[in-house]
N, C-alpha and C. Protein backbone atom coordinates (compact mmCIF):
# COMPACT_ATOMS: atom_id res chain seq x y z
N MET A 1 0.82 -1.19 0.00
CA MET A 1 0.00 0.00 0.00
C MET A 1 0.87 1.26 0.00
N HIS A 2 2.09 1.16 -0.43
CA HIS A 2 2.96 2.32 -0.43
C HIS A 2 2.49 3.39 -1.40
N CYS A 3 1.85 3.01 -2.49
CA CYS A 3 1.45 4.00 -3.48
C CYS A 3 0.13 4.68 -3.12
N CYS A 4 -0.48 4.28 -2.06
CA CYS A 4 -1.78 4.83 -1.69
C CYS A 4 -1.83 5.08 -0.19
N ARG A 5 -1.06 6.03 0.26
CA ARG A 5 -0.94 6.27 1.70
C ARG A 5 -2.23 6.78 2.33
N SER A 6 -3.08 7.39 1.55
CA SER A 6 -4.30 7.97 2.12
C SER A 6 -5.47 6.98 2.13
N CYS A 7 -5.25 5.76 1.67
CA CYS A 7 -6.32 4.76 1.63
C CYS A 7 -6.51 4.13 3.00
N ASP A 8 -7.76 3.92 3.34
CA ASP A 8 -8.07 3.17 4.56
C ASP A 8 -8.07 1.69 4.22
N TYR A 9 -7.38 0.90 5.01
CA TYR A 9 -7.39 -0.53 4.79
C TYR A 9 -7.12 -1.24 6.11
N SER A 10 -7.49 -2.49 6.14
CA SER A 10 -7.26 -3.33 7.32
C SER A 10 -6.53 -4.58 6.88
N ALA A 11 -5.68 -5.07 7.75
CA ALA A 11 -4.97 -6.32 7.49
C ALA A 11 -5.03 -7.17 8.75
N TYR A 12 -5.22 -8.45 8.55
CA TYR A 12 -5.31 -9.39 9.66
C TYR A 12 -4.38 -10.55 9.40
N ASN A 13 -3.62 -10.95 10.39
CA ASN A 13 -2.74 -12.10 10.26
C ASN A 13 -3.51 -13.34 10.70
N VAL A 14 -4.14 -13.99 9.75
CA VAL A 14 -4.95 -15.16 10.07
C VAL A 14 -4.10 -16.37 10.46
N LEU A 15 -2.81 -16.30 10.22
CA LEU A 15 -1.93 -17.39 10.62
C LEU A 15 -1.78 -17.45 12.14
N ASP A 16 -2.02 -16.33 12.80
CA ASP A 16 -1.95 -16.28 14.27
C ASP A 16 -3.22 -16.75 14.95
N ASP A 17 -4.29 -16.92 14.18
CA ASP A 17 -5.59 -17.24 14.78
C ASP A 17 -6.29 -18.32 13.96
N PRO A 18 -6.16 -19.59 14.35
CA PRO A 18 -6.75 -20.69 13.58
C PRO A 18 -8.26 -20.55 13.38
N GLN A 19 -8.96 -20.03 14.38
CA GLN A 19 -10.41 -19.85 14.25
C GLN A 19 -10.73 -18.80 13.19
N LEU A 20 -10.00 -17.70 13.18
CA LEU A 20 -10.19 -16.68 12.16
C LEU A 20 -9.85 -17.23 10.78
N ARG A 21 -8.77 -18.00 10.69
CA ARG A 21 -8.35 -18.59 9.41
C ARG A 21 -9.45 -19.49 8.85
N ARG A 22 -10.02 -20.36 9.68
CA ARG A 22 -11.12 -21.23 9.22
C ARG A 22 -12.34 -20.39 8.85
N GLY A 23 -12.62 -19.40 9.66
CA GLY A 23 -13.80 -18.57 9.43
C GLY A 23 -13.74 -17.81 8.12
N ILE A 24 -12.58 -17.25 7.80
CA ILE A 24 -12.48 -16.46 6.56
C ILE A 24 -12.57 -17.37 5.34
N LYS A 25 -12.04 -18.58 5.45
CA LYS A 25 -12.15 -19.53 4.34
C LYS A 25 -13.60 -19.96 4.14
N ASP A 26 -14.31 -20.17 5.23
CA ASP A 26 -15.73 -20.51 5.14
C ASP A 26 -16.55 -19.35 4.58
N TYR A 27 -16.25 -18.15 5.06
CA TYR A 27 -16.98 -16.95 4.64
C TYR A 27 -16.87 -16.72 3.14
N SER A 28 -15.65 -16.85 2.62
CA SER A 28 -15.42 -16.57 1.21
C SER A 28 -15.64 -17.78 0.31
N ASN A 29 -15.70 -18.96 0.92
CA ASN A 29 -15.75 -20.20 0.15
C ASN A 29 -14.51 -20.30 -0.76
N TRP A 30 -13.38 -19.84 -0.23
CA TRP A 30 -12.11 -19.84 -0.96
C TRP A 30 -11.08 -20.53 -0.07
N PRO A 31 -10.36 -21.52 -0.58
CA PRO A 31 -9.54 -22.36 0.29
C PRO A 31 -8.19 -21.79 0.71
N THR A 32 -7.73 -20.73 0.06
CA THR A 32 -6.38 -20.26 0.33
C THR A 32 -6.36 -18.84 0.89
N ILE A 33 -5.22 -18.50 1.47
CA ILE A 33 -4.96 -17.14 1.90
C ILE A 33 -3.63 -16.73 1.28
N PRO A 34 -3.41 -15.47 1.00
CA PRO A 34 -4.19 -14.32 1.39
C PRO A 34 -5.49 -14.19 0.60
N GLN A 35 -6.40 -13.43 1.16
CA GLN A 35 -7.65 -13.10 0.50
C GLN A 35 -7.79 -11.59 0.50
N VAL A 36 -8.22 -11.05 -0.62
CA VAL A 36 -8.35 -9.60 -0.75
C VAL A 36 -9.81 -9.25 -0.96
N TYR A 37 -10.24 -8.26 -0.21
CA TYR A 37 -11.61 -7.74 -0.29
C TYR A 37 -11.52 -6.25 -0.61
N LEU A 38 -12.37 -5.79 -1.51
CA LEU A 38 -12.48 -4.37 -1.81
C LEU A 38 -13.88 -3.93 -1.45
N HIS A 39 -13.97 -3.00 -0.53
CA HIS A 39 -15.27 -2.53 -0.02
C HIS A 39 -16.15 -3.69 0.42
N GLY A 40 -15.54 -4.66 1.09
CA GLY A 40 -16.28 -5.79 1.62
C GLY A 40 -16.58 -6.90 0.63
N GLU A 41 -16.22 -6.72 -0.62
CA GLU A 41 -16.45 -7.73 -1.65
C GLU A 41 -15.18 -8.55 -1.86
N PHE A 42 -15.32 -9.87 -1.82
CA PHE A 42 -14.17 -10.74 -2.04
C PHE A 42 -13.72 -10.65 -3.49
N VAL A 43 -12.44 -10.34 -3.69
CA VAL A 43 -11.88 -10.23 -5.03
C VAL A 43 -11.18 -11.52 -5.42
N GLY A 44 -10.39 -12.07 -4.53
CA GLY A 44 -9.67 -13.30 -4.80
C GLY A 44 -8.39 -13.38 -3.99
N GLY A 45 -7.57 -14.33 -4.36
CA GLY A 45 -6.28 -14.50 -3.71
C GLY A 45 -5.19 -13.82 -4.51
N SER A 46 -3.96 -14.09 -4.15
CA SER A 46 -2.84 -13.43 -4.81
C SER A 46 -2.75 -13.78 -6.29
N ASP A 47 -3.12 -15.01 -6.66
CA ASP A 47 -3.07 -15.39 -8.07
C ASP A 47 -4.08 -14.59 -8.89
N ILE A 48 -5.27 -14.40 -8.36
CA ILE A 48 -6.31 -13.64 -9.06
C ILE A 48 -5.90 -12.18 -9.17
N LEU A 49 -5.37 -11.60 -8.09
CA LEU A 49 -4.92 -10.21 -8.13
C LEU A 49 -3.81 -10.01 -9.14
N ARG A 50 -2.87 -10.96 -9.19
CA ARG A 50 -1.78 -10.87 -10.16
C ARG A 50 -2.33 -10.88 -11.58
N GLN A 51 -3.27 -11.77 -11.86
CA GLN A 51 -3.88 -11.82 -13.19
C GLN A 51 -4.62 -10.52 -13.50
N MET A 52 -5.37 -10.01 -12.53
CA MET A 52 -6.08 -8.74 -12.74
C MET A 52 -5.09 -7.62 -13.03
N HIS A 53 -3.99 -7.59 -12.30
CA HIS A 53 -2.97 -6.56 -12.51
C HIS A 53 -2.37 -6.67 -13.92
N GLN A 54 -2.08 -7.88 -14.35
CA GLN A 54 -1.45 -8.09 -15.65
C GLN A 54 -2.32 -7.64 -16.81
N ILE A 55 -3.64 -7.77 -16.67
CA ILE A 55 -4.53 -7.38 -17.77
C ILE A 55 -5.14 -5.99 -17.56
N GLY A 56 -4.75 -5.32 -16.49
CA GLY A 56 -5.25 -3.97 -16.23
C GLY A 56 -6.55 -3.91 -15.45
N GLY A 57 -7.09 -5.04 -15.08
CA GLY A 57 -8.36 -5.07 -14.38
C GLY A 57 -8.30 -4.56 -12.95
N LEU A 58 -7.16 -4.74 -12.29
CA LEU A 58 -7.03 -4.30 -10.91
C LEU A 58 -7.07 -2.78 -10.83
N VAL A 59 -6.36 -2.12 -11.70
CA VAL A 59 -6.37 -0.65 -11.72
C VAL A 59 -7.78 -0.14 -11.98
N GLU A 60 -8.49 -0.78 -12.89
CA GLU A 60 -9.86 -0.36 -13.18
C GLU A 60 -10.77 -0.53 -11.98
N GLU A 61 -10.65 -1.64 -11.28
CA GLU A 61 -11.48 -1.86 -10.08
C GLU A 61 -11.17 -0.83 -9.01
N LEU A 62 -9.90 -0.53 -8.83
CA LEU A 62 -9.51 0.47 -7.84
C LEU A 62 -10.01 1.86 -8.22
N LYS A 63 -9.95 2.19 -9.50
CA LYS A 63 -10.45 3.49 -9.96
C LYS A 63 -11.95 3.62 -9.69
N LYS A 64 -12.70 2.54 -9.88
CA LYS A 64 -14.14 2.56 -9.61
C LYS A 64 -14.41 2.92 -8.15
N LEU A 65 -13.48 2.55 -7.28
CA LEU A 65 -13.62 2.81 -5.85
C LEU A 65 -13.02 4.16 -5.45
N GLY A 66 -12.49 4.88 -6.43
CA GLY A 66 -11.90 6.18 -6.14
C GLY A 66 -10.46 6.13 -5.69
N VAL A 67 -9.80 5.00 -5.92
CA VAL A 67 -8.40 4.85 -5.53
C VAL A 67 -7.53 5.07 -6.76
N HIS A 68 -6.62 6.02 -6.66
CA HIS A 68 -5.72 6.32 -7.77
C HIS A 68 -4.29 6.26 -7.28
N SER A 69 -3.42 5.75 -8.10
CA SER A 69 -2.02 5.59 -7.73
C SER A 69 -1.34 6.95 -7.62
N ALA A 70 -0.43 7.04 -6.69
CA ALA A 70 0.37 8.25 -6.53
C ALA A 70 1.64 8.18 -7.38
N LEU A 71 1.82 7.11 -8.11
CA LEU A 71 3.03 6.95 -8.93
C LEU A 71 2.94 7.75 -10.20
């Protein structure tokens, strides 16, 4: 999040909390972590984000939310 210092975000270390880790996997119906949510909507894991970034979809999703890069 270095390029977006003014963005509000939360991060949780689910590796420290087995109950939270199980809960987030059940909530998203996604078996792996990390998991990324934008405005409460599950986007995907690191592989999905990488693919979105490669095709330009991640920037578009962030722009829809009013997030613009400072780069």
